[in-house]
Amino acid sequence: MKKIIDRYNEIKDDLGITSGIDKLIVDCFRYKIFKENPSLRYRKVFKKKYEYPYPEFVNEISRKLASMLRRQIMLCREEEKYQLQMERQRAKRGYADVDEWNMDIWFVEVVSKMLKGYRKHHNGYPSKFLLAPHPTEEEDEKSSAKWNEILDRMIFLLNEMGADECTMTNPFERPYNRIISRFDKEIGLFGEKAKDRQGLTEKDESGGRKMYTPSDFPDLYPTYKEVFEKWSACNTEIAKYRDDCKNEFFRLFSEYFWDLWD
């Protein structure tokens, strides 16, 4: 962050940028909207999102672009305030509201970090792995290695339980998202972008506006049904795999629960 501010201060001195814009630009860097060395891919994403080419230098940021970024920066600031509130709750009572609302996510993230730290720093191993009353150095290393294998397995299973860390991925995610993105752009969830099409003013059973999917327009999205079925089936397999990992993890966690100390 210091490097960014120093670089910006030099530009500010040269160009006399107003205080309102100068804080905004620093925020742009702080919240990683701008990067020191953006990749070509990031430049393309930036241009597509903001309809403005990625600035080569900070002083190329226009007021128009700054205005477009204000909302995003405001949301980042609100998130920071919220996270600070959650940190205070954890310091006071040991957990935050957000942890309570997502206990599964909290458990996977926190216990995984704890097990990794324990795996790295522990000195002993469960007595059940003791090979002799007075083990030799070689026997001691074998017992420790056995304990490390179990810890590694538990850490792996925890990671596989997490949606983001799971190594099993859905190969149909990208083609499915491409169709959904195109559908949202061309039709919209309520058909508001294609009002001339027959049936787009239908009501659902509750009397509200009907939500559409690409399956309602087979002429426009002929591959959607096949892609959706494969995507859905694969998601079911991933969910089962993660559940199997959860079951194996808690079996090991329960078996060695009283040994997780050093």
C-alpha atoms as a PDB file:
ATOM      1  CA  MET A   1       0.000   0.000   0.000  1.00  0.00           C
ATOM      2  CA  LYS A   2       2.871   2.415   0.785  1.00  0.00           C
ATOM      3  CA  LYS A   3       4.261   1.954  -2.714  1.00  0.00           C
ATOM      4  CA  ILE A   4       0.899   2.863  -4.213  1.00  0.00           C
ATOM      5  CA  ILE A   5       0.453   5.975  -2.061  1.00  0.00           C
ATOM      6  CA  ASP A   6       4.009   7.171  -2.744  1.00  0.00           C
ATOM      7  CA  ARG A   7       3.440   6.755  -6.461  1.00  0.00           C
ATOM      8  CA  TYR A   8       0.143   8.580  -6.261  1.00  0.00           C
ATOM      9  CA  ASN A   9       1.561  11.469  -4.195  1.00  0.00           C
ATOM     10  CA  GLU A  10       4.137  12.094  -6.922  1.00  0.00           C
ATOM     11  CA  ILE A  11       1.389  12.358  -9.525  1.00  0.00           C
ATOM     12  CA  LYS A  12      -0.708  14.528  -7.216  1.00  0.00           C
ATOM     13  CA  ASP A  13       2.170  16.988  -6.762  1.00  0.00           C
ATOM     14  CA  ASP A  14       2.791  17.157 -10.505  1.00  0.00           C
ATOM     15  CA  LEU A  15      -0.836  17.610 -11.542  1.00  0.00           C
ATOM     16  CA  GLY A  16      -2.465  19.201  -8.493  1.00  0.00           C
ATOM     17  CA  ILE A  17      -5.324  16.664  -8.368  1.00  0.00           C
ATOM     18  CA  THR A  18      -8.209  17.772  -6.120  1.00  0.00           C
ATOM     19  CA  SER A  19      -8.606  16.196  -2.690  1.00  0.00           C
ATOM     20  CA  GLY A  20     -11.929  14.585  -3.620  1.00  0.00           C
ATOM     21  CA  ILE A  21     -10.414  12.705  -6.493  1.00  0.00           C
ATOM     22  CA  ASP A  22      -7.169  11.873  -4.706  1.00  0.00           C
ATOM     23  CA  LYS A  23      -8.923   9.924  -1.900  1.00  0.00           C
ATOM     24  CA  LEU A  24     -11.033   8.142  -4.483  1.00  0.00           C
ATOM     25  CA  ILE A  25      -8.008   7.020  -6.474  1.00  0.00           C
ATOM     26  CA  VAL A  26      -6.242   5.697  -3.371  1.00  0.00           C
ATOM     27  CA  ASP A  27      -9.436   3.798  -2.546  1.00  0.00           C
ATOM     28  CA  CYS A  28      -9.477   2.389  -6.069  1.00  0.00           C
ATOM     29  CA  PHE A  29      -6.057   0.864  -5.454  1.00  0.00           C
ATOM     30  CA  ARG A  30      -6.852  -0.136  -1.898  1.00  0.00           C
ATOM     31  CA  TYR A  31      -9.875  -2.153  -2.947  1.00  0.00           C
ATOM     32  CA  LYS A  32      -7.961  -3.693  -5.858  1.00  0.00           C
ATOM     33  CA  ILE A  33     -10.106  -2.104  -8.535  1.00  0.00           C
ATOM     34  CA  PHE A  34      -6.817  -0.954 -10.009  1.00  0.00           C
ATOM     35  CA  LYS A  35      -3.627  -3.021  -9.822  1.00  0.00           C
ATOM     36  CA  GLU A  36       0.070  -2.240  -9.999  1.00  0.00           C
ATOM     37  CA  ASN A  37       0.680  -4.726 -12.811  1.00  0.00           C
ATOM     38  CA  PRO A  38      -2.670  -5.778 -14.312  1.00  0.00           C
ATOM     39  CA  SER A  39      -2.678  -8.776 -16.611  1.00  0.00           C
ATOM     40  CA  LEU A  40      -4.064  -8.606 -20.135  1.00  0.00           C
ATOM     41  CA  ARG A  41      -7.053 -10.656 -18.997  1.00  0.00           C
ATOM     42  CA  TYR A  42      -7.784  -8.238 -16.138  1.00  0.00           C
ATOM     43  CA  ARG A  43      -7.579  -5.293 -18.526  1.00  0.00           C
ATOM     44  CA  LYS A  44     -10.204  -6.937 -20.739  1.00  0.00           C
ATOM     45  CA  VAL A  45     -12.467  -7.686 -17.787  1.00  0.00           C
ATOM     46  CA  PHE A  46     -12.075  -4.110 -16.552  1.00  0.00           C
ATOM     47  CA  LYS A  47     -12.969  -2.621 -19.942  1.00  0.00           C
ATOM     48  CA  LYS A  48     -16.003  -4.879 -20.286  1.00  0.00           C
ATOM     49  CA  LYS A  49     -17.258  -4.026 -16.802  1.00  0.00           C
ATOM     50  CA  TYR A  50     -16.673  -0.267 -16.815  1.00  0.00           C
ATOM     51  CA  GLU A  51     -16.808   0.411 -20.578  1.00  0.00           C
ATOM     52  CA  TYR A  52     -13.540   2.263 -20.204  1.00  0.00           C
ATOM     53  CA  PRO A  53     -10.002   1.108 -21.016  1.00  0.00           C
ATOM     54  CA  TYR A  54      -7.763   0.319 -18.080  1.00  0.00           C
ATOM     55  CA  PRO A  55      -5.723   3.489 -17.310  1.00  0.00           C
ATOM     56  CA  GLU A  56      -2.022   3.223 -18.052  1.00  0.00           C
ATOM     57  CA  PHE A  57      -1.335   5.813 -15.354  1.00  0.00           C
ATOM     58  CA  VAL A  58      -3.319   6.956 -12.346  1.00  0.00           C
ATOM     59  CA  ASN A  59      -3.696  10.476 -13.742  1.00  0.00           C
ATOM     60  CA  GLU A  60      -5.635   9.089 -16.727  1.00  0.00           C
ATOM     61  CA  ILE A  61      -8.627   8.292 -14.527  1.00  0.00           C
ATOM     62  CA  SER A  62     -11.488  10.490 -15.633  1.00  0.00           C
ATOM     63  CA  ARG A  63     -14.219  11.903 -13.435  1.00  0.00           C
ATOM     64  CA  LYS A  64     -16.688   9.801 -15.383  1.00  0.00           C
ATOM     65  CA  LEU A  65     -14.871   6.607 -14.467  1.00  0.00           C
ATOM     66  CA  ALA A  66     -14.469   7.761 -10.875  1.00  0.00           C
ATOM     67  CA  SER A  67     -18.232   8.271 -10.653  1.00  0.00           C
ATOM     68  CA  MET A  68     -18.818   4.736 -11.928  1.00  0.00           C
ATOM     69  CA  LEU A  69     -16.535   3.355  -9.230  1.00  0.00           C
ATOM     70  CA  ARG A  70     -18.026   5.210  -6.271  1.00  0.00           C
ATOM     71  CA  ARG A  71     -20.806   2.676  -5.698  1.00  0.00           C
ATOM     72  CA  GLN A  72     -18.409  -0.261  -5.717  1.00  0.00           C
ATOM     73  CA  ILE A  73     -16.045   1.485  -3.305  1.00  0.00           C
ATOM     74  CA  MET A  74     -18.945   2.363  -1.008  1.00  0.00           C
ATOM     75  CA  LEU A  75     -19.955  -1.312  -0.881  1.00  0.00           C
ATOM     76  CA  CYS A  76     -16.361  -2.265  -0.048  1.00  0.00           C
ATOM     77  CA  ARG A  77     -16.351   0.235   2.806  1.00  0.00           C
ATOM     78  CA  GLU A  78     -19.643  -1.118   4.148  1.00  0.00           C
ATOM     79  CA  GLU A  79     -18.207  -4.632   4.004  1.00  0.00           C
ATOM     80  CA  GLU A  80     -15.160  -3.452   5.952  1.00  0.00           C
ATOM     81  CA  LYS A  81     -17.380  -1.983   8.675  1.00  0.00           C
ATOM     82  CA  TYR A  82     -19.394  -5.198   8.817  1.00  0.00           C
ATOM     83  CA  GLN A  83     -16.271  -7.370   9.083  1.00  0.00           C
ATOM     84  CA  LEU A  84     -14.956  -5.120  11.871  1.00  0.00           C
ATOM     85  CA  GLN A  85     -18.221  -5.625  13.740  1.00  0.00           C
ATOM     86  CA  MET A  86     -17.876  -9.404  13.279  1.00  0.00           C
ATOM     87  CA  GLU A  87     -14.295  -9.284  14.588  1.00  0.00           C
ATOM     88  CA  ARG A  88     -15.465  -7.449  17.703  1.00  0.00           C
ATOM     89  CA  GLN A  89     -18.126 -10.078  18.298  1.00  0.00           C
ATOM     90  CA  ARG A  90     -15.528 -12.859  17.990  1.00  0.00           C
ATOM     91  CA  ALA A  91     -13.239 -11.084  20.431  1.00  0.00           C
ATOM     92  CA  LYS A  92     -16.085 -10.648  22.939  1.00  0.00           C
ATOM     93  CA  ARG A  93     -17.920 -13.977  22.744  1.00  0.00           C
ATOM     94  CA  GLY A  94     -15.757 -16.246  20.587  1.00  0.00           C
ATOM     95  CA  TYR A  95     -17.962 -16.243  17.471  1.00  0.00           C
ATOM     96  CA  ALA A  96     -19.801 -13.766  15.258  1.00  0.00           C
ATOM     97  CA  ASP A  97     -23.335 -13.642  13.908  1.00  0.00           C
ATOM     98  CA  VAL A  98     -22.110 -14.628  10.473  1.00  0.00           C
ATOM     99  CA  ASP A  99     -20.421 -17.718  11.967  1.00  0.00           C
ATOM    100  CA  GLU A 100     -23.696 -18.720  13.592  1.00  0.00           C
ATOM    101  CA  TRP A 101     -25.564 -18.353  10.307  1.00  0.00           C
ATOM    102  CA  ASN A 102     -23.027 -20.529   8.454  1.00  0.00           C
ATOM    103  CA  MET A 103     -21.709 -23.026  10.992  1.00  0.00           C
ATOM    104  CA  ASP A 104     -20.702 -25.507   8.300  1.00  0.00           C
ATOM    105  CA  ILE A 105     -18.556 -22.937   6.468  1.00  0.00           C
ATOM    106  CA  TRP A 106     -17.131 -21.654   9.749  1.00  0.00           C
ATOM    107  CA  PHE A 107     -16.198 -25.161  10.872  1.00  0.00           C
ATOM    108  CA  VAL A 108     -14.473 -26.079   7.616  1.00  0.00           C
ATOM    109  CA  GLU A 109     -12.478 -22.836   7.439  1.00  0.00           C
ATOM    110  CA  VAL A 110     -11.468 -22.557  11.092  1.00  0.00           C
ATOM    111  CA  VAL A 111     -10.802 -26.214  11.935  1.00  0.00           C
ATOM    112  CA  SER A 112      -8.841 -26.658   8.719  1.00  0.00           C
ATOM    113  CA  LYS A 113      -6.499 -23.816   9.736  1.00  0.00           C
ATOM    114  CA  MET A 114      -6.195 -25.228  13.252  1.00  0.00           C
ATOM    115  CA  LEU A 115      -5.354 -28.716  12.010  1.00  0.00           C
ATOM    116  CA  LYS A 116      -2.771 -27.336   9.586  1.00  0.00           C
ATOM    117  CA  GLY A 117      -1.126 -25.429  12.409  1.00  0.00           C
ATOM    118  CA  TYR A 118      -1.257 -28.449  14.703  1.00  0.00           C
ATOM    119  CA  ARG A 119       0.187 -30.667  11.948  1.00  0.00           C
ATOM    120  CA  LYS A 120       3.096 -28.275  11.525  1.00  0.00           C
ATOM    121  CA  HIS A 121       3.964 -27.696  15.187  1.00  0.00           C
ATOM    122  CA  HIS A 122       2.951 -30.799  17.173  1.00  0.00           C
ATOM    123  CA  ASN A 123       5.655 -32.749  19.022  1.00  0.00           C
ATOM    124  CA  GLY A 124       3.887 -35.921  20.092  1.00  0.00           C
ATOM    125  CA  TYR A 125       1.437 -38.556  18.858  1.00  0.00           C
ATOM    126  CA  PRO A 126      -1.381 -40.681  20.336  1.00  0.00           C
ATOM    127  CA  SER A 127      -0.263 -43.407  22.764  1.00  0.00           C
ATOM    128  CA  LYS A 128      -1.975 -46.025  20.584  1.00  0.00           C
ATOM    129  CA  PHE A 129       0.813 -45.465  18.035  1.00  0.00           C
ATOM    130  CA  LEU A 130       3.540 -46.214  20.585  1.00  0.00           C
ATOM    131  CA  LEU A 131       5.572 -49.175  19.254  1.00  0.00           C
ATOM    132  CA  ALA A 132       7.429 -49.928  22.478  1.00  0.00           C
ATOM    133  CA  PRO A 133       7.554 -48.737  26.115  1.00  0.00           C
ATOM    134  CA  HIS A 134      10.871 -47.067  25.332  1.00  0.00           C
ATOM    135  CA  PRO A 135      10.873 -46.559  21.547  1.00  0.00           C
ATOM    136  CA  THR A 136      14.021 -46.059  19.556  1.00  0.00           C
ATOM    137  CA  GLU A 137      14.443 -42.947  17.456  1.00  0.00           C
ATOM    138  CA  GLU A 138      13.431 -44.895  14.356  1.00  0.00           C
ATOM    139  CA  GLU A 139      10.310 -46.276  16.064  1.00  0.00           C
ATOM    140  CA  ASP A 140       9.440 -42.797  17.299  1.00  0.00           C
ATOM    141  CA  GLU A 141       9.671 -41.403  13.755  1.00  0.00           C
ATOM    142  CA  LYS A 142       7.420 -44.190  12.422  1.00  0.00           C
ATOM    143  CA  SER A 143       4.770 -43.437  15.054  1.00  0.00           C
ATOM    144  CA  SER A 144       4.938 -39.723  14.332  1.00  0.00           C
ATOM    145  CA  ALA A 145       4.681 -40.372  10.590  1.00  0.00           C
ATOM    146  CA  LYS A 146       1.563 -42.483  11.144  1.00  0.00           C
ATOM    147  CA  TRP A 147      -0.048 -39.657  13.120  1.00  0.00           C
ATOM    148  CA  ASN A 148       0.892 -37.157  10.428  1.00  0.00           C
ATOM    149  CA  GLU A 149      -0.740 -39.326   7.771  1.00  0.00           C
ATOM    150  CA  ILE A 150      -3.998 -39.266   9.697  1.00  0.00           C
ATOM    151  CA  LEU A 151      -3.796 -35.504  10.223  1.00  0.00           C
ATOM    152  CA  ASP A 152      -3.059 -35.001   6.519  1.00  0.00           C
ATOM    153  CA  ARG A 153      -6.075 -37.108   5.650  1.00  0.00           C
ATOM    154  CA  MET A 154      -8.319 -35.100   7.965  1.00  0.00           C
ATOM    155  CA  ILE A 155      -7.049 -31.829   6.486  1.00  0.00           C
ATOM    156  CA  PHE A 156      -7.623 -33.114   2.958  1.00  0.00           C
ATOM    157  CA  LEU A 157     -11.168 -34.234   3.781  1.00  0.00           C
ATOM    158  CA  LEU A 158     -11.967 -30.866   5.335  1.00  0.00           C
ATOM    159  CA  ASN A 159     -10.797 -29.068   2.225  1.00  0.00           C
ATOM    160  CA  GLU A 160     -12.870 -31.376   0.030  1.00  0.00           C
ATOM    161  CA  MET A 161     -15.923 -30.581   2.140  1.00  0.00           C
ATOM    162  CA  GLY A 162     -15.625 -26.890   1.251  1.00  0.00           C
ATOM    163  CA  ALA A 163     -17.374 -25.713  -1.908  1.00  0.00           C
ATOM    164  CA  ASP A 164     -14.459 -23.513  -2.987  1.00  0.00           C
ATOM    165  CA  GLU A 165     -11.619 -25.878  -2.061  1.00  0.00           C
ATOM    166  CA  CYS A 166     -13.131 -29.119  -3.381  1.00  0.00           C
ATOM    167  CA  THR A 167     -10.978 -30.629  -6.131  1.00  0.00           C
ATOM    168  CA  MET A 168     -13.982 -32.208  -7.834  1.00  0.00           C
ATOM    169  CA  THR A 169     -15.312 -29.653 -10.305  1.00  0.00           C
ATOM    170  CA  ASN A 170     -18.227 -29.485 -12.705  1.00  0.00           C
ATOM    171  CA  PRO A 171     -17.011 -29.495 -16.338  1.00  0.00           C
ATOM    172  CA  PHE A 172     -20.397 -28.142 -17.442  1.00  0.00           C
ATOM    173  CA  GLU A 173     -20.222 -25.063 -15.201  1.00  0.00           C
ATOM    174  CA  ARG A 174     -18.818 -22.774 -17.877  1.00  0.00           C
ATOM    175  CA  PRO A 175     -21.166 -23.802 -20.738  1.00  0.00           C
ATOM    176  CA  TYR A 176     -24.122 -23.583 -18.346  1.00  0.00           C
ATOM    177  CA  ASN A 177     -23.101 -20.118 -17.122  1.00  0.00           C
ATOM    178  CA  ARG A 178     -22.564 -18.928 -20.693  1.00  0.00           C
ATOM    179  CA  ILE A 179     -26.136 -19.812 -21.588  1.00  0.00           C
ATOM    180  CA  ILE A 180     -27.509 -18.241 -18.400  1.00  0.00           C
ATOM    181  CA  SER A 181     -25.493 -15.065 -18.991  1.00  0.00           C
ATOM    182  CA  ARG A 182     -26.703 -14.820 -22.583  1.00  0.00           C
ATOM    183  CA  PHE A 183     -30.295 -15.506 -21.456  1.00  0.00           C
ATOM    184  CA  ASP A 184     -30.180 -12.778 -18.804  1.00  0.00           C
ATOM    185  CA  LYS A 185     -28.796 -10.323 -21.355  1.00  0.00           C
ATOM    186  CA  GLU A 186     -31.305 -11.174 -24.091  1.00  0.00           C
ATOM    187  CA  ILE A 187     -34.465 -12.114 -22.168  1.00  0.00           C
ATOM    188  CA  GLY A 188     -34.141 -11.327 -18.447  1.00  0.00           C
ATOM    189  CA  LEU A 189     -35.575 -13.291 -15.526  1.00  0.00           C
ATOM    190  CA  PHE A 190     -39.049 -11.895 -16.097  1.00  0.00           C
ATOM    191  CA  GLY A 191     -38.838 -11.598 -19.870  1.00  0.00           C
ATOM    192  CA  GLU A 192     -38.645  -7.820 -19.526  1.00  0.00           C
ATOM    193  CA  LYS A 193     -36.099  -7.593 -22.334  1.00  0.00           C
ATOM    194  CA  ALA A 194     -38.261  -9.447 -24.846  1.00  0.00           C
ATOM    195  CA  LYS A 195     -41.788  -8.202 -24.233  1.00  0.00           C
ATOM    196  CA  ASP A 196     -42.780  -8.780 -27.825  1.00  0.00           C
ATOM    197  CA  ARG A 197     -42.556 -12.549 -27.316  1.00  0.00           C
ATOM    198  CA  GLN A 198     -45.802 -14.388 -26.698  1.00  0.00           C
ATOM    199  CA  GLY A 199     -46.526 -15.350 -23.105  1.00  0.00           C
ATOM    200  CA  LEU A 200     -44.028 -13.084 -21.416  1.00  0.00           C
ATOM    201  CA  THR A 201     -46.711 -11.394 -19.335  1.00  0.00           C
ATOM    202  CA  GLU A 202     -47.824 -14.616 -17.655  1.00  0.00           C
ATOM    203  CA  LYS A 203     -48.361 -14.761 -13.909  1.00  0.00           C
ATOM    204  CA  ASP A 204     -47.094 -17.556 -11.711  1.00  0.00           C
ATOM    205  CA  GLU A 205     -49.330 -19.599  -9.364  1.00  0.00           C
ATOM    206  CA  SER A 206     -49.036 -17.008  -6.573  1.00  0.00           C
ATOM    207  CA  GLY A 207     -50.103 -14.194  -8.868  1.00  0.00           C
ATOM    208  CA  GLY A 208     -46.635 -12.710  -9.152  1.00  0.00           C
ATOM    209  CA  ARG A 209     -44.561 -12.292 -12.252  1.00  0.00           C
ATOM    210  CA  LYS A 210     -43.391 -15.522 -13.787  1.00  0.00           C
ATOM    211  CA  MET A 211     -39.651 -16.192 -13.787  1.00  0.00           C
ATOM    212  CA  TYR A 212     -38.327 -17.653 -17.010  1.00  0.00           C
ATOM    213  CA  THR A 213     -35.463 -19.991 -17.843  1.00  0.00           C
ATOM    214  CA  PRO A 214     -33.806 -20.763 -21.172  1.00  0.00           C
ATOM    215  CA  SER A 215     -35.981 -23.899 -21.344  1.00  0.00           C
ATOM    216  CA  ASP A 216     -38.947 -21.591 -22.056  1.00  0.00           C
ATOM    217  CA  PHE A 217     -37.217 -20.576 -25.316  1.00  0.00           C
ATOM    218  CA  PRO A 218     -35.987 -23.807 -26.936  1.00  0.00           C
ATOM    219  CA  ASP A 219     -35.692 -22.089 -30.306  1.00  0.00           C
ATOM    220  CA  LEU A 220     -33.166 -19.605 -28.906  1.00  0.00           C
ATOM    221  CA  TYR A 221     -31.312 -21.964 -26.567  1.00  0.00           C
ATOM    222  CA  PRO A 222     -31.542 -25.448 -28.136  1.00  0.00           C
ATOM    223  CA  THR A 223     -28.622 -26.875 -26.129  1.00  0.00           C
ATOM    224  CA  TYR A 224     -29.826 -25.651 -22.723  1.00  0.00           C
ATOM    225  CA  LYS A 225     -31.796 -28.756 -21.751  1.00  0.00           C
ATOM    226  CA  GLU A 226     -28.893 -31.107 -22.414  1.00  0.00           C
ATOM    227  CA  VAL A 227     -26.338 -28.852 -20.728  1.00  0.00           C
ATOM    228  CA  PHE A 228     -28.605 -28.284 -17.719  1.00  0.00           C
ATOM    229  CA  GLU A 229     -29.209 -32.011 -17.219  1.00  0.00           C
ATOM    230  CA  LYS A 230     -25.477 -32.774 -17.337  1.00  0.00           C
ATOM    231  CA  TRP A 231     -24.644 -29.799 -15.119  1.00  0.00           C
ATOM    232  CA  SER A 232     -27.294 -30.799 -12.586  1.00  0.00           C
ATOM    233  CA  ALA A 233     -26.231 -34.471 -12.560  1.00  0.00           C
ATOM    234  CA  CYS A 234     -22.605 -33.494 -12.016  1.00  0.00           C
ATOM    235  CA  ASN A 235     -23.568 -31.188  -9.147  1.00  0.00           C
ATOM    236  CA  THR A 236     -25.386 -34.116  -7.546  1.00  0.00           C
ATOM    237  CA  GLU A 237     -22.229 -36.241  -7.818  1.00  0.00           C
ATOM    238  CA  ILE A 238     -20.114 -33.470  -6.289  1.00  0.00           C
ATOM    239  CA  ALA A 239     -22.578 -33.068  -3.416  1.00  0.00           C
ATOM    240  CA  LYS A 240     -22.423 -36.814  -2.719  1.00  0.00           C
ATOM    241  CA  TYR A 241     -18.621 -36.774  -2.848  1.00  0.00           C
ATOM    242  CA  ARG A 242     -18.440 -33.875  -0.394  1.00  0.00           C
ATOM    243  CA  ASP A 243     -20.898 -35.641   1.884  1.00  0.00           C
ATOM    244  CA  ASP A 244     -18.786 -38.820   1.775  1.00  0.00           C
ATOM    245  CA  CYS A 245     -15.739 -36.726   2.704  1.00  0.00           C
ATOM    246  CA  LYS A 246     -17.709 -35.206   5.580  1.00  0.00           C
ATOM    247  CA  ASN A 247     -18.663 -38.640   6.896  1.00  0.00           C
ATOM    248  CA  GLU A 248     -15.085 -39.942   6.734  1.00  0.00           C
ATOM    249  CA  PHE A 249     -13.722 -36.780   8.333  1.00  0.00           C
ATOM    250  CA  PHE A 250     -16.062 -36.941  11.314  1.00  0.00           C
ATOM    251  CA  ARG A 251     -15.312 -40.626  11.767  1.00  0.00           C
ATOM    252  CA  LEU A 252     -11.612 -39.797  12.088  1.00  0.00           C
ATOM    253  CA  PHE A 253     -12.329 -36.646  14.084  1.00  0.00           C
ATOM    254  CA  SER A 254     -14.417 -38.642  16.552  1.00  0.00           C
ATOM    255  CA  GLU A 255     -11.856 -41.467  16.800  1.00  0.00           C
ATOM    256  CA  TYR A 256      -8.942 -39.130  17.518  1.00  0.00           C
ATOM    257  CA  PHE A 257     -10.827 -36.303  19.221  1.00  0.00           C
ATOM    258  CA  TRP A 258      -9.134 -36.781  22.616  1.00  0.00           C
ATOM    259  CA  ASP A 259      -5.715 -36.920  20.958  1.00  0.00           C
ATOM    260  CA  LEU A 260      -5.887 -33.436  19.416  1.00  0.00           C
ATOM    261  CA  TRP A 261      -3.632 -31.784  21.972  1.00  0.00           C
ATOM    262  CA  ASP A 262       0.099 -31.434  22.436  1.00  0.00           C
END
